[in-house]
Structure formats: structure tokens, C-alpha cells
Amino acid sequence: MAELVREEQELVVKLSALERVEAVHGEIRVPWSAVQSVTVLDDAIHAVHGLKLPGSRIPGVFAMGTFQSATGKVFAVVHHQTRRGVMVTLTGTTYDAIIIGMEDPEAVVATLTPRQTE
């Protein structure tokens, strides 16, 4: 299961071996200063839109990898069994947002304090 963690001054997306294959991507690290907001999504799978670049997807079921839409570039890891998740909005990085599906998004959001409050 993908993890979203803060390691010092970076936000890190840690992927399992299978997720690395499905997403055609390794671990993602972005500077903490790029984080604009961290929000809970009740329907993470339907928050992923656009053209799938490298990755795997069955619309409405799962999304793993990079997606390009009119609103920007998104990296997503959302499994069919984890409909809820977290969206991290970014600025000045390769991705405009990261969407990760998870069982308890509120607990993860509580560990990630946006830089505006630091």
C-alpha cells in the first residue's frame, strides 16, 4: 500500500514493489516548500482525470501512475479497495498534485502540516 510521509524537508510517496510496476514509477520526493495544501478525498478514484501517461488504469476501479489533464499533471495511486484518500496540491514541481488512496486519510493529513502554518 502506498504511503505518504514527511521526511525532514521533503514529502515522500513510498510505493510497494507491485505499485512501482503498475505505476511505472519509483518513489517520489518533492520539497516540502512545494506543498500548497493537503486534503481528504472521500472519492479518490473519481478525482483522477485525464490522459494516462505511464501507468495502469481501469476508470472508476483503480489508477496508478501519471495522468495529464487540462488542470495539470497528477501522480496517483488509488486501489479499488481504498476509495478514500489524500490529495496534495503542489507548486513548482513536476506534478501539480499527488492523489493517494488510503484507509484512514484523516490520520495522514494530521501528520502533514501545510507549510503555511509553519
C-alpha atoms as a PDB file:
ATOM      1  CA  MET A   1       0.000   0.000   0.000  1.00  0.00           C
ATOM      2  CA  ALA A   2       1.389   3.424  -0.952  1.00  0.00           C
ATOM      3  CA  GLU A   3       2.464   5.714   1.875  1.00  0.00           C
ATOM      4  CA  LEU A   4       2.603   9.485   2.014  1.00  0.00           C
ATOM      5  CA  VAL A   5       5.104  10.723   4.607  1.00  0.00           C
ATOM      6  CA  ARG A   6       7.116  13.777   5.528  1.00  0.00           C
ATOM      7  CA  GLU A   7      10.838  13.162   5.879  1.00  0.00           C
ATOM      8  CA  GLU A   8      12.500  16.330   7.155  1.00  0.00           C
ATOM      9  CA  GLN A   9      12.013  18.914   4.387  1.00  0.00           C
ATOM     10  CA  GLU A  10      10.548  16.544   1.784  1.00  0.00           C
ATOM     11  CA  LEU A  11       7.205  14.943   1.073  1.00  0.00           C
ATOM     12  CA  VAL A  12       7.766  11.317   0.043  1.00  0.00           C
ATOM     13  CA  VAL A  13       5.479   8.885  -1.769  1.00  0.00           C
ATOM     14  CA  LYS A  14       6.641   5.362  -0.928  1.00  0.00           C
ATOM     15  CA  LEU A  15       5.393   2.574  -3.191  1.00  0.00           C
ATOM     16  CA  SER A  16       5.306  -1.196  -2.821  1.00  0.00           C
ATOM     17  CA  ALA A  17       7.117  -3.283  -5.433  1.00  0.00           C
ATOM     18  CA  LEU A  18       3.834  -4.056  -7.227  1.00  0.00           C
ATOM     19  CA  GLU A  19       2.794  -0.386  -7.191  1.00  0.00           C
ATOM     20  CA  ARG A  20       6.152   0.544  -8.746  1.00  0.00           C
ATOM     21  CA  VAL A  21       5.405  -1.834 -11.615  1.00  0.00           C
ATOM     22  CA  GLU A  22       1.784  -0.718 -12.039  1.00  0.00           C
ATOM     23  CA  ALA A  23       2.632   2.987 -11.843  1.00  0.00           C
ATOM     24  CA  VAL A  24       5.792   2.629 -13.939  1.00  0.00           C
ATOM     25  CA  HIS A  25       7.440   4.871 -11.375  1.00  0.00           C
ATOM     26  CA  GLY A  26       9.593   4.737  -8.289  1.00  0.00           C
ATOM     27  CA  GLU A  27       9.472   6.679  -5.061  1.00  0.00           C
ATOM     28  CA  ILE A  28       8.556  10.351  -5.447  1.00  0.00           C
ATOM     29  CA  ARG A  29      10.214  13.095  -3.407  1.00  0.00           C
ATOM     30  CA  VAL A  30       9.196  16.743  -3.547  1.00  0.00           C
ATOM     31  CA  PRO A  31      10.423  19.661  -1.456  1.00  0.00           C
ATOM     32  CA  TRP A  32       8.126  20.395   1.474  1.00  0.00           C
ATOM     33  CA  SER A  33       8.124  24.052   0.365  1.00  0.00           C
ATOM     34  CA  ALA A  34       6.184  22.973  -2.773  1.00  0.00           C
ATOM     35  CA  VAL A  35       3.209  21.689  -0.740  1.00  0.00           C
ATOM     36  CA  GLN A  36       0.271  24.094  -1.020  1.00  0.00           C
ATOM     37  CA  SER A  37      -2.484  22.008   0.584  1.00  0.00           C
ATOM     38  CA  VAL A  38      -3.261  18.536   1.883  1.00  0.00           C
ATOM     39  CA  THR A  39      -6.925  17.484   1.767  1.00  0.00           C
ATOM     40  CA  VAL A  40      -9.040  14.390   2.396  1.00  0.00           C
ATOM     41  CA  LEU A  41     -10.882  12.941  -0.603  1.00  0.00           C
ATOM     42  CA  ASP A  42     -13.981  10.831   0.009  1.00  0.00           C
ATOM     43  CA  ASP A  43     -13.884   9.534  -3.582  1.00  0.00           C
ATOM     44  CA  ALA A  44     -10.226   9.455  -4.607  1.00  0.00           C
ATOM     45  CA  ILE A  45     -10.714   7.300  -7.703  1.00  0.00           C
ATOM     46  CA  HIS A  46     -13.046   9.844  -9.328  1.00  0.00           C
ATOM     47  CA  ALA A  47     -10.600  12.670  -8.566  1.00  0.00           C
ATOM     48  CA  VAL A  48      -8.135  11.170 -11.082  1.00  0.00           C
ATOM     49  CA  HIS A  49      -8.797  12.540 -14.577  1.00  0.00           C
ATOM     50  CA  GLY A  50      -7.021  12.928 -17.848  1.00  0.00           C
ATOM     51  CA  LEU A  51      -4.810  11.044 -20.233  1.00  0.00           C
ATOM     52  CA  LYS A  52      -2.842   8.213 -18.659  1.00  0.00           C
ATOM     53  CA  LEU A  53       0.821   8.598 -19.357  1.00  0.00           C
ATOM     54  CA  PRO A  54       2.950   5.760 -17.958  1.00  0.00           C
ATOM     55  CA  GLY A  55       0.890   3.661 -15.590  1.00  0.00           C
ATOM     56  CA  SER A  56      -2.177   1.445 -15.260  1.00  0.00           C
ATOM     57  CA  ARG A  57      -5.854   2.345 -15.046  1.00  0.00           C
ATOM     58  CA  ILE A  58      -9.355   0.979 -15.196  1.00  0.00           C
ATOM     59  CA  PRO A  59     -11.632   4.042 -14.878  1.00  0.00           C
ATOM     60  CA  GLY A  60     -13.625   4.017 -11.661  1.00  0.00           C
ATOM     61  CA  VAL A  61     -11.717   0.984 -10.354  1.00  0.00           C
ATOM     62  CA  PHE A  62      -8.027   1.835  -9.945  1.00  0.00           C
ATOM     63  CA  ALA A  63      -5.455   4.374 -11.116  1.00  0.00           C
ATOM     64  CA  MET A  64      -1.675   4.031 -10.822  1.00  0.00           C
ATOM     65  CA  GLY A  65       0.795   6.388 -12.447  1.00  0.00           C
ATOM     66  CA  THR A  66       0.912   9.755 -14.140  1.00  0.00           C
ATOM     67  CA  PHE A  67      -2.141  11.489 -15.605  1.00  0.00           C
ATOM     68  CA  GLN A  68      -2.266  14.685 -17.671  1.00  0.00           C
ATOM     69  CA  SER A  69      -5.418  16.799 -17.825  1.00  0.00           C
ATOM     70  CA  ALA A  70      -6.311  20.410 -18.581  1.00  0.00           C
ATOM     71  CA  THR A  71      -5.776  21.214 -14.898  1.00  0.00           C
ATOM     72  CA  GLY A  72      -2.259  19.775 -14.775  1.00  0.00           C
ATOM     73  CA  LYS A  73      -0.143  16.709 -14.169  1.00  0.00           C
ATOM     74  CA  VAL A  74      -1.151  14.303 -11.387  1.00  0.00           C
ATOM     75  CA  PHE A  75       0.570  11.267  -9.901  1.00  0.00           C
ATOM     76  CA  ALA A  76      -1.969   8.823  -8.461  1.00  0.00           C
ATOM     77  CA  VAL A  77      -2.016   5.518  -6.608  1.00  0.00           C
ATOM     78  CA  VAL A  78      -5.613   4.536  -5.884  1.00  0.00           C
ATOM     79  CA  HIS A  79      -6.614   0.887  -5.409  1.00  0.00           C
ATOM     80  CA  HIS A  80     -10.158  -0.429  -5.817  1.00  0.00           C
ATOM     81  CA  GLN A  81     -10.356  -1.303  -2.111  1.00  0.00           C
ATOM     82  CA  THR A  82      -9.303   2.168  -0.910  1.00  0.00           C
ATOM     83  CA  ARG A  83     -11.830   4.620  -2.320  1.00  0.00           C
ATOM     84  CA  ARG A  84     -10.946   7.409   0.140  1.00  0.00           C
ATOM     85  CA  GLY A  85      -7.613   9.180   0.044  1.00  0.00           C
ATOM     86  CA  VAL A  86      -5.487  12.290   0.233  1.00  0.00           C
ATOM     87  CA  MET A  87      -4.768  14.938  -2.386  1.00  0.00           C
ATOM     88  CA  VAL A  88      -1.623  17.027  -2.077  1.00  0.00           C
ATOM     89  CA  THR A  89      -1.631  20.167  -4.215  1.00  0.00           C
ATOM     90  CA  LEU A  90       1.862  21.237  -5.297  1.00  0.00           C
ATOM     91  CA  THR A  91       3.536  24.184  -6.958  1.00  0.00           C
ATOM     92  CA  GLY A  92       6.842  24.431  -8.803  1.00  0.00           C
ATOM     93  CA  THR A  93       7.377  20.668  -9.205  1.00  0.00           C
ATOM     94  CA  THR A  94       6.949  18.065 -11.936  1.00  0.00           C
ATOM     95  CA  TYR A  95       3.470  17.297 -10.601  1.00  0.00           C
ATOM     96  CA  ASP A  96       0.617  19.690  -9.840  1.00  0.00           C
ATOM     97  CA  ALA A  97      -0.970  17.175  -7.461  1.00  0.00           C
ATOM     98  CA  ILE A  98      -0.493  13.775  -5.872  1.00  0.00           C
ATOM     99  CA  ILE A  99      -3.508  11.576  -5.082  1.00  0.00           C
ATOM    100  CA  ILE A 100      -3.028   8.544  -2.844  1.00  0.00           C
ATOM    101  CA  GLY A 101      -5.838   6.198  -1.815  1.00  0.00           C
ATOM    102  CA  MET A 102      -5.767   5.008   1.798  1.00  0.00           C
ATOM    103  CA  GLU A 103      -7.840   3.563   4.621  1.00  0.00           C
ATOM    104  CA  ASP A 104      -7.510   6.459   7.093  1.00  0.00           C
ATOM    105  CA  PRO A 105      -6.799   9.707   5.221  1.00  0.00           C
ATOM    106  CA  GLU A 106      -7.577  11.871   8.267  1.00  0.00           C
ATOM    107  CA  ALA A 107      -4.696  10.284  10.193  1.00  0.00           C
ATOM    108  CA  VAL A 108      -2.269  11.015   7.348  1.00  0.00           C
ATOM    109  CA  VAL A 109      -3.498  14.606   6.931  1.00  0.00           C
ATOM    110  CA  ALA A 110      -2.951  15.124  10.668  1.00  0.00           C
ATOM    111  CA  THR A 111       0.727  14.191  10.240  1.00  0.00           C
ATOM    112  CA  LEU A 112       1.232  16.541   7.290  1.00  0.00           C
ATOM    113  CA  THR A 113       1.034  20.184   8.296  1.00  0.00           C
ATOM    114  CA  PRO A 114       0.960  22.520   5.267  1.00  0.00           C
ATOM    115  CA  ARG A 115       3.863  24.943   5.137  1.00  0.00           C
ATOM    116  CA  GLN A 116       1.543  27.974   5.548  1.00  0.00           C
ATOM    117  CA  THR A 117       1.189  27.151   9.254  1.00  0.00           C
ATOM    118  CA  GLU A 118       4.907  26.636   9.926  1.00  0.00           C
END
